[in-house]
Protein backbone atom coordinates (compact mmCIF):
# COMPACT_ATOMS: atom_id res chain seq x y z
CA UNK A 1 -143.29 -60.37 245.17
CA UNK A 2 -146.42 -62.36 244.38
CA UNK A 3 -148.53 -59.20 244.34
CA UNK A 4 -146.17 -57.47 241.92
CA UNK A 5 -146.15 -60.50 239.64
CA UNK A 6 -149.97 -60.43 239.66
CA UNK A 7 -149.92 -56.71 238.76
CA UNK A 8 -147.61 -57.46 235.83
CA UNK A 9 -149.85 -60.33 234.67
CA UNK A 10 -152.93 -58.08 234.73
CA UNK A 11 -151.12 -55.30 232.82
CA UNK A 12 -150.09 -57.85 230.18
CA UNK A 13 -153.66 -59.17 229.97
CA UNK A 14 -154.99 -55.62 229.52
CA UNK A 15 -152.49 -54.91 226.74
CA UNK A 16 -153.27 -58.15 224.94
CA UNK A 17 -157.02 -57.39 225.03
CA UNK A 18 -156.77 -53.73 224.01
CA UNK A 19 -158.63 -54.47 220.74
CA UNK A 20 -161.06 -57.15 222.00
CA UNK A 21 -164.61 -56.10 221.16
CA UNK A 22 -166.35 -59.34 222.08
CA UNK A 23 -165.82 -61.35 225.28
CA UNK A 24 -167.41 -64.51 226.67
CA UNK A 25 -169.49 -62.38 229.06
CA UNK A 26 -170.65 -60.18 226.17
CA UNK A 27 -169.52 -56.75 225.10
CA UNK A 28 -166.07 -55.26 224.84
CA UNK A 29 -163.22 -56.13 227.17
CA UNK A 30 -163.00 -53.95 230.28
CA UNK A 31 -159.66 -53.01 231.81
CA UNK A 32 -158.83 -54.97 234.95
CA UNK A 33 -157.15 -53.52 238.02
CA UNK A 34 -155.46 -55.19 241.00
CA UNK A 35 -156.53 -54.13 244.49
CA UNK A 36 -153.71 -54.43 247.04
CA UNK A 37 -154.04 -54.53 250.81
CA UNK A 38 -151.39 -54.23 253.48
CA UNK A 39 -150.50 -57.36 255.40
CA UNK A 40 -149.81 -56.12 258.93
CA UNK A 41 -146.41 -56.86 260.38
CA UNK A 42 -145.80 -57.85 263.95
CA UNK A 43 -143.18 -56.95 266.51
CA UNK A 44 -139.72 -58.49 266.26
CA UNK A 45 -140.34 -60.71 269.29
CA UNK A 46 -143.60 -62.05 267.88
CA UNK A 47 -142.01 -62.57 264.48
CA UNK A 48 -139.00 -64.36 266.02
CA UNK A 49 -141.22 -66.67 268.08
CA UNK A 50 -143.38 -67.47 265.07
CA UNK A 51 -140.27 -68.34 263.06
CA UNK A 52 -139.14 -70.69 265.81
CA UNK A 53 -142.55 -72.37 265.75
CA UNK A 54 -142.59 -72.38 261.90
CA UNK A 55 -145.78 -70.31 261.81
CA UNK A 56 -144.23 -67.22 260.29
CA UNK A 57 -146.58 -64.50 259.18
CA UNK A 58 -145.57 -62.43 256.20
CA UNK A 59 -145.60 -58.67 256.00
CA UNK A 60 -146.01 -56.58 252.88
CA UNK A 61 -149.03 -56.49 250.59
CA UNK A 62 -151.42 -59.02 249.14
CA UNK A 63 -153.88 -59.01 246.28
CA UNK A 64 -157.40 -58.86 247.69
CA UNK A 65 -159.31 -58.75 244.42
CA UNK A 66 -159.18 -58.00 240.73
CA UNK A 67 -161.85 -55.56 239.62
CA UNK A 68 -163.03 -54.30 236.25
CA UNK A 69 -162.64 -50.61 235.46
CA UNK A 70 -166.16 -49.20 235.12
CA UNK A 71 -165.17 -46.18 233.06
CA UNK A 72 -166.98 -45.79 229.75
CA UNK A 73 -165.88 -47.81 226.75
CA UNK A 74 -164.43 -45.91 223.79
CA UNK A 75 -166.79 -45.56 220.79
CA UNK A 76 -164.96 -45.77 217.45
CA UNK A 77 -166.69 -45.15 214.13
CA UNK A 78 -166.22 -48.25 211.98
CA UNK A 79 -169.45 -49.24 210.21
CA UNK A 80 -167.81 -52.26 208.54
CA UNK A 81 -166.92 -53.93 211.85
CA UNK A 82 -169.13 -56.93 212.76
CA UNK A 83 -169.71 -55.51 216.27
CA UNK A 84 -170.78 -52.04 215.06
CA UNK A 85 -174.11 -50.72 216.32
CA UNK A 86 -176.85 -49.13 214.15
CA UNK A 87 -174.96 -45.81 213.95
CA UNK A 88 -171.73 -47.57 212.89
CA UNK A 89 -169.89 -47.23 216.21
CA UNK A 90 -167.90 -50.06 217.78
CA UNK A 91 -167.43 -50.00 221.55
CA UNK A 92 -163.70 -50.51 222.11
CA UNK A 93 -162.08 -51.51 225.43
CA UNK A 94 -161.23 -48.79 227.97
CA UNK A 95 -157.56 -49.81 227.91
CA UNK A 96 -154.89 -47.11 227.61
CA UNK A 97 -151.73 -48.75 226.25
CA UNK A 98 -149.43 -46.08 227.71
CA UNK A 99 -150.93 -46.47 231.18
CA UNK A 100 -150.68 -50.26 230.99
CA UNK A 101 -147.05 -50.07 229.89
CA UNK A 102 -146.24 -47.76 232.80
CA UNK A 103 -148.10 -50.06 235.23
CA UNK A 104 -146.10 -53.02 233.89
CA UNK A 105 -142.82 -51.15 234.28
CA UNK A 106 -143.77 -50.09 237.81
CA UNK A 107 -144.60 -53.68 238.76
CA UNK A 108 -141.32 -54.90 237.27
CA UNK A 109 -139.29 -52.31 239.21
CA UNK A 110 -141.10 -53.12 242.47
CA UNK A 111 -140.48 -56.84 241.89
CA UNK A 112 -136.78 -56.17 241.30
CA UNK A 113 -136.62 -54.03 244.46
CA UNK A 114 -138.15 -56.87 246.47
CA UNK A 115 -135.60 -59.33 245.09
CA UNK A 116 -132.77 -56.93 245.98
CA UNK A 117 -134.09 -56.56 249.55
CA UNK A 118 -134.47 -60.34 249.86
CA UNK A 119 -130.91 -60.93 248.64
CA UNK A 120 -129.57 -58.29 251.07
CA UNK A 121 -131.41 -59.96 253.93
CA UNK A 122 -130.02 -63.35 252.93
CA UNK A 123 -126.47 -61.95 252.75
CA UNK A 124 -126.81 -60.37 256.21
CA UNK A 125 -128.00 -63.67 257.63
CA UNK A 126 -125.02 -65.48 256.07
CA UNK A 127 -122.61 -62.89 257.48
CA UNK A 128 -124.21 -63.26 260.91
CA UNK A 129 -123.65 -67.01 260.75
CA UNK A 130 -120.02 -66.44 259.73
CA UNK A 131 -119.44 -64.40 262.90
CA UNK A 132 -120.00 -67.53 264.99
CA UNK A 133 -117.25 -69.50 263.19
C-alpha cells in the first residue's frame, strides 16, 4: 500500500508541475517515475515462524527509486515568456496530463484492492478465532 501511495504522490507532483519551466536545479521540470521491485515472499512455515518471533517479512512490492524521465522536453513557441530562448521557444516539461491522470487512477485502484485484500484477511482471521469459542 505504501508503494501505491508513493505512485499517487508522484503522479500528483507531475500534474502540479506540468507548466513549471524553471526548477531549483535549472531548466524545465522533468516527469518523475516510480521504480517498483518485488519483495520476495517466503514459505508459509517460514512466514509463520517469523510471525511468532515478531520478525515478519513483508511480501509485495517496494519503491526502489524515483527517476526522472529523460525524454525530450516539449518546445513551445512563446517569445514573450521570460524563459524563452533566442528563437522564442520555451522548453516545457515532458509531462502528459492524460498519462498522469491514468497513472493516478491506477495507483488509487491498486491501493483500494490492497485495502480490500487486507480487510478480507482480517475478517478470515476473526472468523478463525470465533471457531475456537
